[in-house]
């Protein structure tokens, strides 16, 4: 049940960022946002996919104007993947909306319940 809800939330947030954004590409977008900038090969290694598969997803994110490629200052032959201004703005807005919705959802919970939930989520996350 929890995993279905998480998947549904991913679909919703991805659509909030861009109507054509699928959850897998949304995950890539989050990875790049958290890292600041990455090479395509680093993205592929982190998620365990073939570079050609990742390249197609990154190209689609570029087409949606959510990512941009910039020269790597350490290697003139390489390019770094970064969020575009539009990508940063759209992602920030979607995160703010999602946070607001979660706060509204959890307002009914007691402080003890919230602490226990956070502890159990931490335990679950540590397993993976």
C-alpha atoms as a PDB file:
ATOM      1  CA  UNK A   1       0.000   0.000   0.000  1.00  0.00           C
ATOM      2  CA  UNK A   2       2.734   2.460   0.959  1.00  0.00           C
ATOM      3  CA  UNK A   3       4.701   1.748  -2.215  1.00  0.00           C
ATOM      4  CA  UNK A   4       1.597   2.244  -4.372  1.00  0.00           C
ATOM      5  CA  UNK A   5       1.012   5.585  -2.659  1.00  0.00           C
ATOM      6  CA  UNK A   6       4.641   6.582  -3.200  1.00  0.00           C
ATOM      7  CA  UNK A   7       4.381   5.663  -6.885  1.00  0.00           C
ATOM      8  CA  UNK A   8       1.166   7.655  -7.215  1.00  0.00           C
ATOM      9  CA  UNK A   9       2.845  10.655  -5.580  1.00  0.00           C
ATOM     10  CA  UNK A  10       5.795  10.339  -7.985  1.00  0.00           C
ATOM     11  CA  UNK A  11       3.416  10.359 -10.936  1.00  0.00           C
ATOM     12  CA  UNK A  12       1.636  13.423  -9.562  1.00  0.00           C
ATOM     13  CA  UNK A  13       4.800  15.378  -8.788  1.00  0.00           C
ATOM     14  CA  UNK A  14       6.350  14.476 -12.149  1.00  0.00           C
ATOM     15  CA  UNK A  15       3.233  15.806 -13.894  1.00  0.00           C
ATOM     16  CA  UNK A  16       3.402  18.984 -11.791  1.00  0.00           C
ATOM     17  CA  UNK A  17       6.970  19.584 -12.960  1.00  0.00           C
ATOM     18  CA  UNK A  18       6.024  19.019 -16.610  1.00  0.00           C
ATOM     19  CA  UNK A  19       2.983  17.289 -18.147  1.00  0.00           C
ATOM     20  CA  UNK A  20       5.225  15.123 -20.372  1.00  0.00           C
ATOM     21  CA  UNK A  21       7.550  14.044 -17.555  1.00  0.00           C
ATOM     22  CA  UNK A  22       7.450  10.358 -16.594  1.00  0.00           C
ATOM     23  CA  UNK A  23       8.459   9.093 -13.118  1.00  0.00           C
ATOM     24  CA  UNK A  24      11.740   7.539 -14.329  1.00  0.00           C
ATOM     25  CA  UNK A  25      12.856  10.824 -15.856  1.00  0.00           C
ATOM     26  CA  UNK A  26      11.657  12.631 -12.737  1.00  0.00           C
ATOM     27  CA  UNK A  27      14.045  10.454 -10.711  1.00  0.00           C
ATOM     28  CA  UNK A  28      16.899  11.467 -13.021  1.00  0.00           C
ATOM     29  CA  UNK A  29      15.924  15.096 -12.624  1.00  0.00           C
ATOM     30  CA  UNK A  30      16.061  14.752  -8.827  1.00  0.00           C
ATOM     31  CA  UNK A  31      19.459  13.066  -9.035  1.00  0.00           C
ATOM     32  CA  UNK A  32      20.879  15.921 -11.088  1.00  0.00           C
ATOM     33  CA  UNK A  33      19.248  18.493  -8.795  1.00  0.00           C
ATOM     34  CA  UNK A  34      20.808  16.884  -5.720  1.00  0.00           C
ATOM     35  CA  UNK A  35      24.250  16.543  -7.321  1.00  0.00           C
ATOM     36  CA  UNK A  36      24.362  19.977  -8.938  1.00  0.00           C
ATOM     37  CA  UNK A  37      26.002  18.642 -12.080  1.00  0.00           C
ATOM     38  CA  UNK A  38      26.956  15.211 -13.381  1.00  0.00           C
ATOM     39  CA  UNK A  39      28.354  13.578 -16.478  1.00  0.00           C
ATOM     40  CA  UNK A  40      25.956  11.278 -18.321  1.00  0.00           C
ATOM     41  CA  UNK A  41      28.148   8.270 -17.486  1.00  0.00           C
ATOM     42  CA  UNK A  42      27.886   9.122 -13.771  1.00  0.00           C
ATOM     43  CA  UNK A  43      24.098   9.190 -14.035  1.00  0.00           C
ATOM     44  CA  UNK A  44      24.140   5.788 -15.760  1.00  0.00           C
ATOM     45  CA  UNK A  45      26.452   4.316 -13.110  1.00  0.00           C
ATOM     46  CA  UNK A  46      24.374   5.648 -10.212  1.00  0.00           C
ATOM     47  CA  UNK A  47      21.140   4.117 -11.452  1.00  0.00           C
ATOM     48  CA  UNK A  48      22.633   1.017 -13.039  1.00  0.00           C
ATOM     49  CA  UNK A  49      21.336   1.561 -16.558  1.00  0.00           C
ATOM     50  CA  UNK A  50      23.043   1.444 -19.929  1.00  0.00           C
ATOM     51  CA  UNK A  51      24.493   4.781 -21.044  1.00  0.00           C
ATOM     52  CA  UNK A  52      22.375   4.759 -24.232  1.00  0.00           C
ATOM     53  CA  UNK A  53      19.165   4.407 -22.188  1.00  0.00           C
ATOM     54  CA  UNK A  54      20.195   7.255 -19.911  1.00  0.00           C
ATOM     55  CA  UNK A  55      21.229   9.378 -22.907  1.00  0.00           C
ATOM     56  CA  UNK A  56      17.729   9.079 -24.376  1.00  0.00           C
ATOM     57  CA  UNK A  57      16.138  10.089 -21.070  1.00  0.00           C
ATOM     58  CA  UNK A  58      18.540  13.009 -20.669  1.00  0.00           C
ATOM     59  CA  UNK A  59      17.860  14.137 -24.247  1.00  0.00           C
ATOM     60  CA  UNK A  60      14.141  14.104 -23.488  1.00  0.00           C
ATOM     61  CA  UNK A  61      14.688  16.182 -20.333  1.00  0.00           C
ATOM     62  CA  UNK A  62      16.706  18.620 -22.433  1.00  0.00           C
ATOM     63  CA  UNK A  63      13.914  18.740 -25.019  1.00  0.00           C
ATOM     64  CA  UNK A  64      11.490  19.597 -22.199  1.00  0.00           C
ATOM     65  CA  UNK A  65      13.936  22.363 -21.214  1.00  0.00           C
ATOM     66  CA  UNK A  66      14.395  20.913 -17.730  1.00  0.00           C
ATOM     67  CA  UNK A  67      18.114  20.119 -18.157  1.00  0.00           C
ATOM     68  CA  UNK A  68      21.028  21.689 -19.964  1.00  0.00           C
ATOM     69  CA  UNK A  69      24.495  20.497 -20.925  1.00  0.00           C
ATOM     70  CA  UNK A  70      27.499  22.677 -20.169  1.00  0.00           C
ATOM     71  CA  UNK A  71      31.225  22.181 -20.809  1.00  0.00           C
ATOM     72  CA  UNK A  72      33.080  20.338 -18.047  1.00  0.00           C
ATOM     73  CA  UNK A  73      35.743  22.755 -16.750  1.00  0.00           C
ATOM     74  CA  UNK A  74      37.982  19.787 -15.850  1.00  0.00           C
ATOM     75  CA  UNK A  75      37.735  18.097 -19.258  1.00  0.00           C
ATOM     76  CA  UNK A  76      37.077  20.182 -22.361  1.00  0.00           C
ATOM     77  CA  UNK A  77      35.815  17.111 -24.243  1.00  0.00           C
ATOM     78  CA  UNK A  78      33.136  16.259 -21.679  1.00  0.00           C
ATOM     79  CA  UNK A  79      29.782  17.857 -20.922  1.00  0.00           C
ATOM     80  CA  UNK A  80      28.042  18.197 -17.566  1.00  0.00           C
ATOM     81  CA  UNK A  81      24.307  17.801 -17.056  1.00  0.00           C
ATOM     82  CA  UNK A  82      22.658  20.485 -14.907  1.00  0.00           C
ATOM     83  CA  UNK A  83      19.157  21.695 -14.194  1.00  0.00           C
ATOM     84  CA  UNK A  84      18.103  24.520 -16.474  1.00  0.00           C
ATOM     85  CA  UNK A  85      16.612  27.642 -14.911  1.00  0.00           C
ATOM     86  CA  UNK A  86      13.182  26.390 -15.943  1.00  0.00           C
ATOM     87  CA  UNK A  87      13.926  22.952 -14.503  1.00  0.00           C
ATOM     88  CA  UNK A  88      15.064  24.417 -11.184  1.00  0.00           C
ATOM     89  CA  UNK A  89      12.027  26.690 -10.969  1.00  0.00           C
ATOM     90  CA  UNK A  90       9.522  23.972 -11.890  1.00  0.00           C
ATOM     91  CA  UNK A  91      11.101  21.458  -9.516  1.00  0.00           C
ATOM     92  CA  UNK A  92      11.193  23.963  -6.636  1.00  0.00           C
ATOM     93  CA  UNK A  93       7.540  24.879  -7.170  1.00  0.00           C
ATOM     94  CA  UNK A  94       6.473  21.223  -7.294  1.00  0.00           C
ATOM     95  CA  UNK A  95       8.443  20.444  -4.122  1.00  0.00           C
ATOM     96  CA  UNK A  96       6.873  23.391  -2.307  1.00  0.00           C
ATOM     97  CA  UNK A  97       3.377  22.294  -3.321  1.00  0.00           C
ATOM     98  CA  UNK A  98       4.103  18.701  -2.274  1.00  0.00           C
ATOM     99  CA  UNK A  99       5.486  19.848   1.100  1.00  0.00           C
ATOM    100  CA  UNK A 100       2.424  21.992   1.687  1.00  0.00           C
ATOM    101  CA  UNK A 101       0.119  19.072   0.878  1.00  0.00           C
ATOM    102  CA  UNK A 102       2.045  16.729   3.178  1.00  0.00           C
ATOM    103  CA  UNK A 103       1.898  19.234   6.050  1.00  0.00           C
ATOM    104  CA  UNK A 104      -1.863  19.505   5.528  1.00  0.00           C
ATOM    105  CA  UNK A 105      -2.186  15.703   5.475  1.00  0.00           C
ATOM    106  CA  UNK A 106      -0.143  15.208   8.650  1.00  0.00           C
ATOM    107  CA  UNK A 107      -1.725  18.014  10.691  1.00  0.00           C
ATOM    108  CA  UNK A 108      -4.129  15.441  12.150  1.00  0.00           C
ATOM    109  CA  UNK A 109      -1.311  13.255  13.477  1.00  0.00           C
ATOM    110  CA  UNK A 110       0.000  13.586  17.021  1.00  0.00           C
ATOM    111  CA  UNK A 111       3.621  14.564  17.598  1.00  0.00           C
ATOM    112  CA  UNK A 112       4.317  11.078  18.969  1.00  0.00           C
ATOM    113  CA  UNK A 113       2.836   9.458  15.855  1.00  0.00           C
ATOM    114  CA  UNK A 114       4.941  11.700  13.602  1.00  0.00           C
ATOM    115  CA  UNK A 115       8.127  10.863  15.524  1.00  0.00           C
ATOM    116  CA  UNK A 116       7.376   7.147  15.357  1.00  0.00           C
ATOM    117  CA  UNK A 117       6.574   7.371  11.644  1.00  0.00           C
ATOM    118  CA  UNK A 118       9.831   9.263  10.960  1.00  0.00           C
ATOM    119  CA  UNK A 119      11.813   6.702  12.971  1.00  0.00           C
ATOM    120  CA  UNK A 120      10.264   3.795  11.072  1.00  0.00           C
ATOM    121  CA  UNK A 121      10.807   5.468   7.698  1.00  0.00           C
ATOM    122  CA  UNK A 122      14.442   6.023   8.642  1.00  0.00           C
ATOM    123  CA  UNK A 123      14.737   2.361   9.533  1.00  0.00           C
ATOM    124  CA  UNK A 124      13.139   1.346   6.226  1.00  0.00           C
ATOM    125  CA  UNK A 125      15.413   3.676   4.241  1.00  0.00           C
ATOM    126  CA  UNK A 126      18.483   2.271   6.009  1.00  0.00           C
ATOM    127  CA  UNK A 127      17.567  -1.174   4.676  1.00  0.00           C
ATOM    128  CA  UNK A 128      17.881   0.002   1.073  1.00  0.00           C
END
